[in-house]
PDB file of N, CA and C in Angstrom:
ATOM      1  N   MET A   1      19.995   0.831 -28.981  1.00  0.00           N
ATOM      2  CA  MET A   1      19.146   1.936 -28.532  1.00  0.00           C
ATOM      3  C   MET A   1      17.751   1.343 -28.220  1.00  0.00           C
ATOM      4  N   ALA A   2      17.258   1.522 -26.986  1.00  0.00           N
ATOM      5  CA  ALA A   2      15.951   1.136 -26.631  1.00  0.00           C
ATOM      6  C   ALA A   2      14.973   2.214 -26.670  1.00  0.00           C
ATOM      7  N   THR A   3      13.718   1.868 -26.815  1.00  0.00           N
ATOM      8  CA  THR A   3      12.648   2.927 -26.744  1.00  0.00           C
ATOM      9  C   THR A   3      11.687   2.710 -25.633  1.00  0.00           C
ATOM     10  N   PHE A   4      10.802   3.642 -25.335  1.00  0.00           N
ATOM     11  CA  PHE A   4       9.856   3.445 -24.190  1.00  0.00           C
ATOM     12  C   PHE A   4       8.912   2.289 -24.629  1.00  0.00           C
ATOM     13  N   ASP A   5       8.513   2.188 -25.891  1.00  0.00           N
ATOM     14  CA  ASP A   5       7.663   1.116 -26.355  1.00  0.00           C
ATOM     15  C   ASP A   5       8.290  -0.212 -26.097  1.00  0.00           C
ATOM     16  N   GLU A   6       9.600  -0.389 -26.293  1.00  0.00           N
ATOM     17  CA  GLU A   6      10.301  -1.655 -26.023  1.00  0.00           C
ATOM     18  C   GLU A   6      10.358  -1.906 -24.544  1.00  0.00           C
ATOM     19  N   LEU A   7      10.547  -0.851 -23.717  1.00  0.00           N
ATOM     20  CA  LEU A   7      10.502  -1.046 -22.266  1.00  0.00           C
ATOM     21  C   LEU A   7       9.222  -1.569 -21.869  1.00  0.00           C
ATOM     22  N   THR A   8       8.143  -0.983 -22.334  1.00  0.00           N
ATOM     23  CA  THR A   8       6.806  -1.409 -22.003  1.00  0.00           C
ATOM     24  C   THR A   8       6.567  -2.834 -22.396  1.00  0.00           C
ATOM     25  N   GLU A   9       6.914  -3.171 -23.636  1.00  0.00           N
ATOM     26  CA  GLU A   9       6.737  -4.479 -24.154  1.00  0.00           C
ATOM     27  C   GLU A   9       7.472  -5.566 -23.275  1.00  0.00           C
ATOM     28  N   LEU A  10       8.700  -5.262 -22.995  1.00  0.00           N
ATOM     29  CA  LEU A  10       9.502  -6.174 -22.174  1.00  0.00           C
ATOM     30  C   LEU A  10       8.929  -6.383 -20.816  1.00  0.00           C
ATOM     31  N   ALA A  11       8.561  -5.255 -20.152  1.00  0.00           N
ATOM     32  CA  ALA A  11       7.987  -5.297 -18.829  1.00  0.00           C
ATOM     33  C   ALA A  11       6.692  -6.090 -18.792  1.00  0.00           C
ATOM     34  N   LEU A  12       5.804  -5.895 -19.735  1.00  0.00           N
ATOM     35  CA  LEU A  12       4.535  -6.542 -19.799  1.00  0.00           C
ATOM     36  C   LEU A  12       4.653  -8.038 -20.163  1.00  0.00           C
ATOM     37  N   SER A  13       5.804  -8.473 -20.673  1.00  0.00           N
ATOM     38  CA  SER A  13       5.987  -9.833 -21.014  1.00  0.00           C
ATOM     39  C   SER A  13       6.335 -10.699 -19.714  1.00  0.00           C
ATOM     40  N   LEU A  14       6.603  -9.967 -18.601  1.00  0.00           N
ATOM     41  CA  LEU A  14       6.898 -10.656 -17.332  1.00  0.00           C
ATOM     42  C   LEU A  14       5.641 -11.128 -16.646  1.00  0.00           C
ATOM     43  N   PRO A  15       5.582 -12.266 -16.054  1.00  0.00           N
ATOM     44  CA  PRO A  15       4.418 -12.851 -15.432  1.00  0.00           C
ATOM     45  C   PRO A  15       3.726 -11.830 -14.415  1.00  0.00           C
ATOM     46  N   GLY A  16       2.405 -11.624 -14.594  1.00  0.00           N
ATOM     47  CA  GLY A  16       1.717 -10.817 -13.677  1.00  0.00           C
ATOM     48  C   GLY A  16       1.832  -9.294 -13.836  1.00  0.00           C
ATOM     49  N   ALA A  17       2.695  -8.875 -14.771  1.00  0.00           N
ATOM     50  CA  ALA A  17       2.920  -7.438 -14.967  1.00  0.00           C
ATOM     51  C   ALA A  17       1.785  -6.748 -15.660  1.00  0.00           C
ATOM     52  N   HIS A  18       1.463  -5.558 -15.219  1.00  0.00           N
ATOM     53  CA  HIS A  18       0.514  -4.745 -15.968  1.00  0.00           C
ATOM     54  C   HIS A  18       0.887  -3.284 -15.884  1.00  0.00           C
ATOM     55  N   GLN A  19       0.162  -2.438 -16.609  1.00  0.00           N
ATOM     56  CA  GLN A  19       0.484  -1.048 -16.774  1.00  0.00           C
ATOM     57  C   GLN A  19      -0.729  -0.273 -16.178  1.00  0.00           C
ATOM     58  N   GLU A  20      -0.359   0.798 -15.481  1.00  0.00           N
ATOM     59  CA  GLU A  20      -1.351   1.792 -15.018  1.00  0.00           C
ATOM     60  C   GLU A  20      -0.740   3.172 -15.172  1.00  0.00           C
ATOM     61  N   GLU A  21      -1.635   4.179 -15.467  1.00  0.00           N
ATOM     62  CA  GLU A  21      -1.193   5.515 -15.441  1.00  0.00           C
ATOM     63  C   GLU A  21      -1.383   6.139 -14.046  1.00  0.00           C
ATOM     64  N   THR A  22      -0.283   6.628 -13.444  1.00  0.00           N
ATOM     65  CA  THR A  22      -0.292   7.181 -12.147  1.00  0.00           C
ATOM     66  C   THR A  22       0.675   8.388 -12.162  1.00  0.00           C
ATOM     67  N   TRP A  23       0.265   9.507 -11.509  1.00  0.00           N
ATOM     68  CA  TRP A  23       1.155  10.726 -11.508  1.00  0.00           C
ATOM     69  C   TRP A  23       1.506  11.149 -12.889  1.00  0.00           C
ATOM     70  N   GLU A  24       0.592  10.990 -13.897  1.00  0.00           N
ATOM     71  CA  GLU A  24       0.765  11.366 -15.284  1.00  0.00           C
ATOM     72  C   GLU A  24       1.970  10.623 -15.862  1.00  0.00           C
ATOM     73  N   GLN A  25       2.246   9.386 -15.320  1.00  0.00           N
ATOM     74  CA  GLN A  25       3.311   8.583 -15.855  1.00  0.00           C
ATOM     75  C   GLN A  25       2.771   7.165 -16.066  1.00  0.00           C
ATOM     76  N   VAL A  26       3.411   6.469 -16.952  1.00  0.00           N
ATOM     77  CA  VAL A  26       3.134   5.049 -17.065  1.00  0.00           C
ATOM     78  C   VAL A  26       3.885   4.311 -16.002  1.00  0.00           C
ATOM     79  N   THR A  27       3.125   3.532 -15.197  1.00  0.00           N
ATOM     80  CA  THR A  27       3.807   2.733 -14.157  1.00  0.00           C
ATOM     81  C   THR A  27       3.616   1.275 -14.545  1.00  0.00           C
ATOM     82  N   LEU A  28       4.651   0.503 -14.406  1.00  0.00           N
ATOM     83  CA  LEU A  28       4.676  -0.918 -14.719  1.00  0.00           C
ATOM     84  C   LEU A  28       4.721  -1.612 -13.334  1.00  0.00           C
ATOM     85  N   ARG A  29       3.749  -2.554 -13.133  1.00  0.00           N
ATOM     86  CA  ARG A  29       3.545  -3.089 -11.818  1.00  0.00           C
ATOM     87  C   ARG A  29       3.338  -4.581 -11.838  1.00  0.00           C
ATOM     88  N   VAL A  30       3.472  -5.131 -10.633  1.00  0.00           N
ATOM     89  CA  VAL A  30       3.045  -6.549 -10.321  1.00  0.00           C
ATOM     90  C   VAL A  30       2.144  -6.326  -9.124  1.00  0.00           C
ATOM     91  N   GLY A  31       0.913  -6.635  -9.249  1.00  0.00           N
ATOM     92  CA  GLY A  31      -0.124  -6.244  -8.235  1.00  0.00           C
ATOM     93  C   GLY A  31      -0.106  -4.761  -8.075  1.00  0.00           C
ATOM     94  N   ARG A  32       0.123  -4.280  -6.842  1.00  0.00           N
ATOM     95  CA  ARG A  32       0.169  -2.830  -6.666  1.00  0.00           C
ATOM     96  C   ARG A  32       1.597  -2.265  -6.648  1.00  0.00           C
ATOM     97  N   LYS A  33       2.549  -3.171  -6.700  1.00  0.00           N
ATOM     98  CA  LYS A  33       3.979  -2.773  -6.601  1.00  0.00           C
ATOM     99  C   LYS A  33       4.618  -2.336  -7.929  1.00  0.00           C
ATOM    100  N   ILE A  34       5.115  -1.195  -7.939  1.00  0.00           N
ATOM    101  CA  ILE A  34       5.727  -0.589  -9.154  1.00  0.00           C
ATOM    102  C   ILE A  34       7.174  -1.084  -9.224  1.00  0.00           C
ATOM    103  N   PHE A  35       7.579  -1.512 -10.496  1.00  0.00           N
ATOM    104  CA  PHE A  35       9.008  -1.851 -10.757  1.00  0.00           C
ATOM    105  C   PHE A  35       9.640  -1.053 -11.799  1.00  0.00           C
ATOM    106  N   ALA A  36       8.920  -0.248 -12.534  1.00  0.00           N
ATOM    107  CA  ALA A  36       9.438   0.665 -13.461  1.00  0.00           C
ATOM    108  C   ALA A  36       8.391   1.775 -13.804  1.00  0.00           C
ATOM    109  N   MET A  37       8.786   2.910 -14.254  1.00  0.00           N
ATOM    110  CA  MET A  37       7.814   3.962 -14.635  1.00  0.00           C
ATOM    111  C   MET A  37       8.497   5.024 -15.466  1.00  0.00           C
ATOM    112  N   GLY A  38       7.722   5.828 -16.198  1.00  0.00           N
ATOM    113  CA  GLY A  38       8.303   6.865 -16.977  1.00  0.00           C
ATOM    114  C   GLY A  38       7.215   7.483 -17.842  1.00  0.00           C
ATOM    115  N   ARG A  39       7.663   8.461 -18.618  1.00  0.00           N
ATOM    116  CA  ARG A  39       6.787   9.164 -19.578  1.00  0.00           C
ATOM    117  C   ARG A  39       7.357   8.807 -20.974  1.00  0.00           C
ATOM    118  N   PRO A  40       6.510   8.274 -21.867  1.00  0.00           N
ATOM    119  CA  PRO A  40       6.950   7.865 -23.187  1.00  0.00           C
ATOM    120  C   PRO A  40       7.760   8.976 -23.909  1.00  0.00           C
ATOM    121  N   GLU A  41       7.315  10.189 -23.786  1.00  0.00           N
ATOM    122  CA  GLU A  41       7.986  11.256 -24.539  1.00  0.00           C
ATOM    123  C   GLU A  41       9.331  11.690 -23.996  1.00  0.00           C
ATOM    124  N   SER A  42       9.668  11.264 -22.834  1.00  0.00           N
ATOM    125  CA  SER A  42      10.889  11.672 -22.151  1.00  0.00           C
ATOM    126  C   SER A  42      12.151  11.066 -22.609  1.00  0.00           C
ATOM    127  N   GLY A  43      12.096   9.815 -23.179  1.00  0.00           N
ATOM    128  CA  GLY A  43      13.241   9.061 -23.517  1.00  0.00           C
ATOM    129  C   GLY A  43      13.973   8.436 -22.346  1.00  0.00           C
ATOM    130  N   GLU A  44      13.333   8.492 -21.181  1.00  0.00           N
ATOM    131  CA  GLU A  44      13.912   8.030 -19.940  1.00  0.00           C
ATOM    132  C   GLU A  44      12.876   7.181 -19.172  1.00  0.00           C
ATOM    133  N   ALA A  45      13.399   6.347 -18.300  1.00  0.00           N
ATOM    134  CA  ALA A  45      12.524   5.594 -17.432  1.00  0.00           C
ATOM    135  C   ALA A  45      13.231   5.495 -16.067  1.00  0.00           C
ATOM    136  N   THR A  46      12.482   5.171 -15.059  1.00  0.00           N
ATOM    137  CA  THR A  46      12.979   4.965 -13.687  1.00  0.00           C
ATOM    138  C   THR A  46      12.683   3.519 -13.335  1.00  0.00           C
ATOM    139  N   VAL A  47      13.777   2.851 -12.916  1.00  0.00           N
ATOM    140  CA  VAL A  47      13.647   1.390 -12.671  1.00  0.00           C
ATOM    141  C   VAL A  47      14.085   1.041 -11.261  1.00  0.00           C
ATOM    142  N   LYS A  48      13.395   0.196 -10.612  1.00  0.00           N
ATOM    143  CA  LYS A  48      13.673  -0.204  -9.259  1.00  0.00           C
ATOM    144  C   LYS A  48      14.988  -0.971  -9.200  1.00  0.00           C
ATOM    145  N   ALA A  49      15.862  -0.675  -8.290  1.00  0.00           N
ATOM    146  CA  ALA A  49      17.149  -1.344  -8.067  1.00  0.00           C
ATOM    147  C   ALA A  49      17.506  -1.254  -6.605  1.00  0.00           C
ATOM    148  N   THR A  50      18.485  -2.041  -6.236  1.00  0.00           N
ATOM    149  CA  THR A  50      18.992  -1.905  -4.842  1.00  0.00           C
ATOM    150  C   THR A  50      19.994  -0.707  -4.829  1.00  0.00           C
ATOM    151  N   PRO A  51      20.297  -0.201  -3.641  1.00  0.00           N
ATOM    152  CA  PRO A  51      21.313   0.889  -3.660  1.00  0.00           C
ATOM    153  C   PRO A  51      22.678   0.376  -4.213  1.00  0.00           C
ATOM    154  N   ALA A  52      23.010  -0.941  -3.949  1.00  0.00           N
ATOM    155  CA  ALA A  52      24.293  -1.466  -4.528  1.00  0.00           C
ATOM    156  C   ALA A  52      24.289  -1.558  -6.018  1.00  0.00           C
ATOM    157  N   GLU A  53      23.088  -1.966  -6.556  1.00  0.00           N
ATOM    158  CA  GLU A  53      22.943  -2.065  -8.015  1.00  0.00           C
ATOM    159  C   GLU A  53      23.023  -0.681  -8.630  1.00  0.00           C
ATOM    160  N   GLN A  54      22.331   0.257  -7.967  1.00  0.00           N
ATOM    161  CA  GLN A  54      22.343   1.655  -8.420  1.00  0.00           C
ATOM    162  C   GLN A  54      23.804   2.198  -8.557  1.00  0.00           C
ATOM    163  N   ALA A  55      24.591   1.974  -7.535  1.00  0.00           N
ATOM    164  CA  ALA A  55      25.966   2.466  -7.533  1.00  0.00           C
ATOM    165  C   ALA A  55      26.767   1.817  -8.664  1.00  0.00           C
ATOM    166  N   GLU A  56      26.618   0.472  -8.857  1.00  0.00           N
ATOM    167  CA  GLU A  56      27.316  -0.261  -9.907  1.00  0.00           C
ATOM    168  C   GLU A  56      26.950   0.309 -11.265  1.00  0.00           C
ATOM    169  N   LEU A  57      25.650   0.483 -11.505  1.00  0.00           N
ATOM    170  CA  LEU A  57      25.196   0.938 -12.803  1.00  0.00           C
ATOM    171  C   LEU A  57      25.752   2.394 -13.092  1.00  0.00           C
ATOM    172  N   ILE A  58      25.633   3.252 -12.155  1.00  0.00           N
ATOM    173  CA  ILE A  58      26.080   4.633 -12.362  1.00  0.00           C
ATOM    174  C   ILE A  58      27.609   4.706 -12.581  1.00  0.00           C
ATOM    175  N   ALA A  59      28.284   3.875 -11.807  1.00  0.00           N
ATOM    176  CA  ALA A  59      29.765   3.828 -11.979  1.00  0.00           C
ATOM    177  C   ALA A  59      30.170   3.247 -13.367  1.00  0.00           C
ATOM    178  N   ALA A  60      29.428   2.264 -13.820  1.00  0.00           N
ATOM    179  CA  ALA A  60      29.766   1.651 -15.170  1.00  0.00           C
ATOM    180  C   ALA A  60      29.382   2.568 -16.345  1.00  0.00           C
ATOM    181  N   ALA A  61      28.304   3.271 -16.216  1.00  0.00           N
ATOM    182  CA  ALA A  61      27.781   4.084 -17.380  1.00  0.00           C
ATOM    183  C   ALA A  61      27.068   5.389 -16.846  1.00  0.00           C
ATOM    184  N   PRO A  62      27.906   6.344 -16.382  1.00  0.00           N
ATOM    185  CA  PRO A  62      27.242   7.546 -15.824  1.00  0.00           C
ATOM    186  C   PRO A  62      26.474   8.405 -16.832  1.00  0.00           C
ATOM    187  N   GLY A  63      26.720   8.184 -18.110  1.00  0.00           N
ATOM    188  CA  GLY A  63      25.888   8.901 -19.101  1.00  0.00           C
ATOM    189  C   GLY A  63      24.582   8.266 -19.348  1.00  0.00           C
ATOM    190  N   VAL A  64      24.369   7.063 -18.906  1.00  0.00           N
ATOM    191  CA  VAL A  64      23.164   6.281 -19.145  1.00  0.00           C
ATOM    192  C   VAL A  64      22.307   6.210 -17.904  1.00  0.00           C
ATOM    193  N   TYR A  65      23.007   6.052 -16.694  1.00  0.00           N
ATOM    194  CA  TYR A  65      22.298   5.888 -15.467  1.00  0.00           C
ATOM    195  C   TYR A  65      22.556   7.026 -14.512  1.00  0.00           C
ATOM    196  N   SER A  66      21.533   7.374 -13.705  1.00  0.00           N
ATOM    197  CA  SER A  66      21.638   8.395 -12.698  1.00  0.00           C
ATOM    198  C   SER A  66      20.740   8.073 -11.539  1.00  0.00           C
ATOM    199  N   VAL A  67      20.913   8.748 -10.472  1.00  0.00           N
ATOM    200  CA  VAL A  67      20.067   8.553  -9.275  1.00  0.00           C
ATOM    201  C   VAL A  67      18.719   9.122  -9.673  1.00  0.00           C
ATOM    202  N   ALA A  68      17.635   8.358  -9.471  1.00  0.00           N
ATOM    203  CA  ALA A  68      16.278   8.757  -9.819  1.00  0.00           C
ATOM    204  C   ALA A  68      15.850   9.845  -8.822  1.00  0.00           C
ATOM    205  N   PRO A  69      15.112  10.818  -9.292  1.00  0.00           N
ATOM    206  CA  PRO A  69      14.569  11.788  -8.388  1.00  0.00           C
ATOM    207  C   PRO A  69      13.518  11.187  -7.461  1.00  0.00           C
ATOM    208  N   TYR A  70      13.419  11.597  -6.248  1.00  0.00           N
ATOM    209  CA  TYR A  70      12.522  11.144  -5.249  1.00  0.00           C
ATOM    210  C   TYR A  70      12.767   9.690  -4.737  1.00  0.00           C
ATOM    211  N   THR A  71      12.891   8.725  -5.648  1.00  0.00           N
ATOM    212  CA  THR A  71      13.022   7.373  -5.175  1.00  0.00           C
ATOM    213  C   THR A  71      14.524   6.895  -5.172  1.00  0.00           C
ATOM    214  N   GLY A  72      15.394   7.753  -5.591  1.00  0.00           N
ATOM    215  CA  GLY A  72      16.832   7.363  -5.717  1.00  0.00           C
ATOM    216  C   GLY A  72      17.476   6.896  -4.428  1.00  0.00           C
ATOM    217  N   ARG A  73      16.981   7.515  -3.363  1.00  0.00           N
ATOM    218  CA  ARG A  73      17.598   7.169  -2.066  1.00  0.00           C
ATOM    219  C   ARG A  73      17.294   5.709  -1.638  1.00  0.00           C
ATOM    220  N   PHE A  74      16.339   5.080  -2.367  1.00  0.00           N
ATOM    221  CA  PHE A  74      16.055   3.691  -2.133  1.00  0.00           C
ATOM    222  C   PHE A  74      16.646   2.803  -3.170  1.00  0.00           C
ATOM    223  N   GLY A  75      17.467   3.367  -4.129  1.00  0.00           N
ATOM    224  CA  GLY A  75      18.179   2.563  -5.086  1.00  0.00           C
ATOM    225  C   GLY A  75      17.673   2.728  -6.505  1.00  0.00           C
ATOM    226  N   TRP A  76      16.492   3.273  -6.671  1.00  0.00           N
ATOM    227  CA  TRP A  76      15.954   3.413  -8.041  1.00  0.00           C
ATOM    228  C   TRP A  76      16.951   4.147  -8.915  1.00  0.00           C
ATOM    229  N   VAL A  77      16.970   3.772 -10.169  1.00  0.00           N
ATOM    230  CA  VAL A  77      17.851   4.496 -11.140  1.00  0.00           C
ATOM    231  C   VAL A  77      17.054   5.103 -12.365  1.00  0.00           C
ATOM    232  N   ARG A  78      17.524   6.213 -12.798  1.00  0.00           N
ATOM    233  CA  ARG A  78      16.962   6.830 -14.029  1.00  0.00           C
ATOM    234  C   ARG A  78      17.819   6.253 -15.125  1.00  0.00           C
ATOM    235  N   VAL A  79      17.169   5.772 -16.199  1.00  0.00           N
ATOM    236  CA  VAL A  79      17.826   5.177 -17.326  1.00  0.00           C
ATOM    237  C   VAL A  79      17.566   6.042 -18.568  1.00  0.00           C
ATOM    238  N   ARG A  80      18.582   6.474 -19.268  1.00  0.00           N
ATOM    239  CA  ARG A  80      18.500   7.144 -20.499  1.00  0.00           C
ATOM    240  C   ARG A  80      18.287   5.994 -21.551  1.00  0.00           C
ATOM    241  N   LEU A  81      17.109   5.761 -22.088  1.00  0.00           N
ATOM    242  CA  LEU A  81      16.883   4.599 -22.913  1.00  0.00           C
ATOM    243  C   LEU A  81      17.723   4.551 -24.109  1.00  0.00           C
ATOM    244  N   ALA A  82      18.045   5.647 -24.731  1.00  0.00           N
ATOM    245  CA  ALA A  82      18.853   5.670 -25.953  1.00  0.00           C
ATOM    246  C   ALA A  82      20.245   5.090 -25.682  1.00  0.00           C
ATOM    247  N   GLY A  83      20.663   5.014 -24.423  1.00  0.00           N
ATOM    248  CA  GLY A  83      21.959   4.485 -24.107  1.00  0.00           C
ATOM    249  C   GLY A  83      21.984   2.987 -23.733  1.00  0.00           C
ATOM    250  N   THR A  84      20.818   2.377 -23.774  1.00  0.00           N
ATOM    251  CA  THR A  84      20.759   0.923 -23.493  1.00  0.00           C
ATOM    252  C   THR A  84      20.268   0.157 -24.679  1.00  0.00           C
ATOM    253  N   GLY A  85      20.695  -1.148 -24.625  1.00  0.00           N
ATOM    254  CA  GLY A  85      20.191  -2.081 -25.664  1.00  0.00           C
ATOM    255  C   GLY A  85      19.058  -2.921 -25.094  1.00  0.00           C
ATOM    256  N   PRO A  86      18.420  -3.693 -25.961  1.00  0.00           N
ATOM    257  CA  PRO A  86      17.302  -4.490 -25.537  1.00  0.00           C
ATOM    258  C   PRO A  86      17.697  -5.592 -24.474  1.00  0.00           C
ATOM    259  N   GLU A  87      18.851  -6.144 -24.634  1.00  0.00           N
ATOM    260  CA  GLU A  87      19.227  -7.217 -23.640  1.00  0.00           C
ATOM    261  C   GLU A  87      19.550  -6.587 -22.217  1.00  0.00           C
ATOM    262  N   GLU A  88      20.177  -5.430 -22.246  1.00  0.00           N
ATOM    263  CA  GLU A  88      20.504  -4.756 -21.005  1.00  0.00           C
ATOM    264  C   GLU A  88      19.180  -4.314 -20.303  1.00  0.00           C
ATOM    265  N   LEU A  89      18.276  -3.819 -21.139  1.00  0.00           N
ATOM    266  CA  LEU A  89      16.974  -3.376 -20.618  1.00  0.00           C
ATOM    267  C   LEU A  89      16.189  -4.563 -20.082  1.00  0.00           C
ATOM    268  N   ARG A  90      16.201  -5.693 -20.815  1.00  0.00           N
ATOM    269  CA  ARG A  90      15.542  -6.866 -20.345  1.00  0.00           C
ATOM    270  C   ARG A  90      16.107  -7.290 -18.914  1.00  0.00           C
ATOM    271  N   GLU A  91      17.371  -7.245 -18.775  1.00  0.00           N
ATOM    272  CA  GLU A  91      17.995  -7.691 -17.564  1.00  0.00           C
ATOM    273  C   GLU A  91      17.633  -6.706 -16.378  1.00  0.00           C
ATOM    274  N   LEU A  92      17.693  -5.415 -16.636  1.00  0.00           N
ATOM    275  CA  LEU A  92      17.237  -4.383 -15.624  1.00  0.00           C
ATOM    276  C   LEU A  92      15.823  -4.637 -15.225  1.00  0.00           C
ATOM    277  N   LEU A  93      14.943  -4.795 -16.187  1.00  0.00           N
ATOM    278  CA  LEU A  93      13.501  -4.939 -15.876  1.00  0.00           C
ATOM    279  C   LEU A  93      13.239  -6.276 -15.126  1.00  0.00           C
ATOM    280  N   THR A  94      13.888  -7.300 -15.527  1.00  0.00           N
ATOM    281  CA  THR A  94      13.710  -8.603 -14.935  1.00  0.00           C
ATOM    282  C   THR A  94      14.126  -8.529 -13.417  1.00  0.00           C
ATOM    283  N   ASP A  95      15.332  -7.896 -13.210  1.00  0.00           N
ATOM    284  CA  ASP A  95      15.794  -7.783 -11.794  1.00  0.00           C
ATOM    285  C   ASP A  95      14.826  -6.967 -11.022  1.00  0.00           C
ATOM    286  N   ALA A  96      14.307  -5.909 -11.575  1.00  0.00           N
ATOM    287  CA  ALA A  96      13.358  -4.953 -10.888  1.00  0.00           C
ATOM    288  C   ALA A  96      12.003  -5.756 -10.628  1.00  0.00           C
ATOM    289  N   TRP A  97      11.532  -6.526 -11.623  1.00  0.00           N
ATOM    290  CA  TRP A  97      10.359  -7.256 -11.436  1.00  0.00           C
ATOM    291  C   TRP A  97      10.509  -8.335 -10.320  1.00  0.00           C
ATOM    292  N   ARG A  98      11.646  -9.020 -10.349  1.00  0.00           N
ATOM    293  CA  ARG A  98      11.901 -10.043  -9.320  1.00  0.00           C
ATOM    294  C   ARG A  98      11.884  -9.436  -7.941  1.00  0.00           C
ATOM    295  N   SER A  99      12.249  -8.189  -7.772  1.00  0.00           N
ATOM    296  CA  SER A  99      12.255  -7.540  -6.409  1.00  0.00           C
ATOM    297  C   SER A  99      10.884  -7.273  -5.813  1.00  0.00           C
ATOM    298  N   VAL A 100       9.838  -7.277  -6.746  1.00  0.00           N
ATOM    299  CA  VAL A 100       8.488  -7.010  -6.232  1.00  0.00           C
ATOM    300  C   VAL A 100       7.425  -8.122  -6.482  1.00  0.00           C
ATOM    301  N   ALA A 101       7.814  -9.089  -7.366  1.00  0.00           N
ATOM    302  CA  ALA A 101       6.903 -10.119  -7.729  1.00  0.00           C
ATOM    303  C   ALA A 101       6.775 -11.120  -6.594  1.00  0.00           C
ATOM    304  N   PRO A 102       5.592 -11.856  -6.589  1.00  0.00           N
ATOM    305  CA  PRO A 102       5.507 -12.947  -5.585  1.00  0.00           C
ATOM    306  C   PRO A 102       6.497 -14.032  -5.853  1.00  0.00           C
ATOM    307  N   LYS A 103       6.906 -14.648  -4.748  1.00  0.00           N
ATOM    308  CA  LYS A 103       8.098 -15.582  -4.861  1.00  0.00           C
ATOM    309  C   LYS A 103       7.650 -16.739  -5.793  1.00  0.00           C
ATOM    310  N   ARG A 104       6.383 -17.207  -5.773  1.00  0.00           N
ATOM    311  CA  ARG A 104       5.901 -18.245  -6.612  1.00  0.00           C
ATOM    312  C   ARG A 104       6.119 -17.876  -8.152  1.00  0.00           C
ATOM    313  N   ALA A 105       5.796 -16.623  -8.466  1.00  0.00           N
ATOM    314  CA  ALA A 105       5.967 -16.155  -9.889  1.00  0.00           C
ATOM    315  C   ALA A 105       7.505 -16.094 -10.252  1.00  0.00           C
ATOM    316  N   VAL A 106       8.273 -15.670  -9.335  1.00  0.00           N
ATOM    317  CA  VAL A 106       9.740 -15.623  -9.544  1.00  0.00           C
ATOM    318  C   VAL A 106      10.309 -16.986  -9.769  1.00  0.00           C
ATOM    319  N   ALA A 107       9.901 -17.904  -8.891  1.00  0.00           N
ATOM    320  CA  ALA A 107      10.404 -19.296  -9.007  1.00  0.00           C
ATOM    321  C   ALA A 107       9.970 -19.879 -10.343  1.00  0.00           C
ATOM    322  N   GLY A 108       8.725 -19.667 -10.719  1.00  0.00           N
ATOM    323  CA  GLY A 108       8.212 -20.212 -12.003  1.00  0.00           C
ATOM    324  C   GLY A 108       8.902 -19.614 -13.245  1.00  0.00           C
ATOM    325  N   HIS A 109       9.210 -18.348 -13.116  1.00  0.00           N
ATOM    326  CA  HIS A 109       9.848 -17.604 -14.209  1.00  0.00           C
ATOM    327  C   HIS A 109      11.295 -18.188 -14.412  1.00  0.00           C
ATOM    328  N   GLY A 110      11.975 -18.381 -13.362  1.00  0.00           N
ATOM    329  CA  GLY A 110      13.366 -18.911 -13.456  1.00  0.00           C
ATOM    330  C   GLY A 110      13.396 -20.356 -14.000  1.00  0.00           C
ATOM    331  N   GLU A 111      12.349 -21.129 -13.708  1.00  0.00           N
ATOM    332  CA  GLU A 111      12.370 -22.566 -14.122  1.00  0.00           C
ATOM    333  C   GLU A 111      12.231 -22.629 -15.659  1.00  0.00           C
ATOM    334  N   ARG A 112      11.651 -21.638 -16.227  1.00  0.00           N
ATOM    335  CA  ARG A 112      11.539 -21.654 -17.710  1.00  0.00           C
ATOM    336  C   ARG A 112      12.770 -21.189 -18.374  1.00  0.00           C
ATOM    337  N   GLY A 113      13.829 -20.871 -17.659  1.00  0.00           N
ATOM    338  CA  GLY A 113      15.086 -20.441 -18.208  1.00  0.00           C
ATOM    339  C   GLY A 113      15.103 -19.011 -18.737  1.00  0.00           C
ATOM    340  N   GLU A 114      14.189 -18.180 -18.205  1.00  0.00           N
ATOM    341  CA  GLU A 114      14.094 -16.819 -18.703  1.00  0.00           C
ATOM    342  C   GLU A 114      14.853 -15.947 -17.819  1.00  0.00           C
TER     343      GLU A 114
END
């Protein structure tokens, strides 16, 4: 079971990631690009994914993943944090971060075996 604090800690451990409050939500970003967001009290987060990844996640665990409101048409998924473990959450966040991070940061992150 993951928490919003764990989500934030994992996201901020990625190179160049930072946190901003926008739309009364915590947004996790690289530069100006958001890769995850949510409200700590909700027990949920929204994470950037491709439409194909979104479909796979929802098909595999419909009680944990759903189409995110507003951004779901672009592939974003809503994640019920209590239904995920730390490793699964790390993988989701890393994939989301890779989709918005500069190529140099992504290449450097992969070289360290992370």
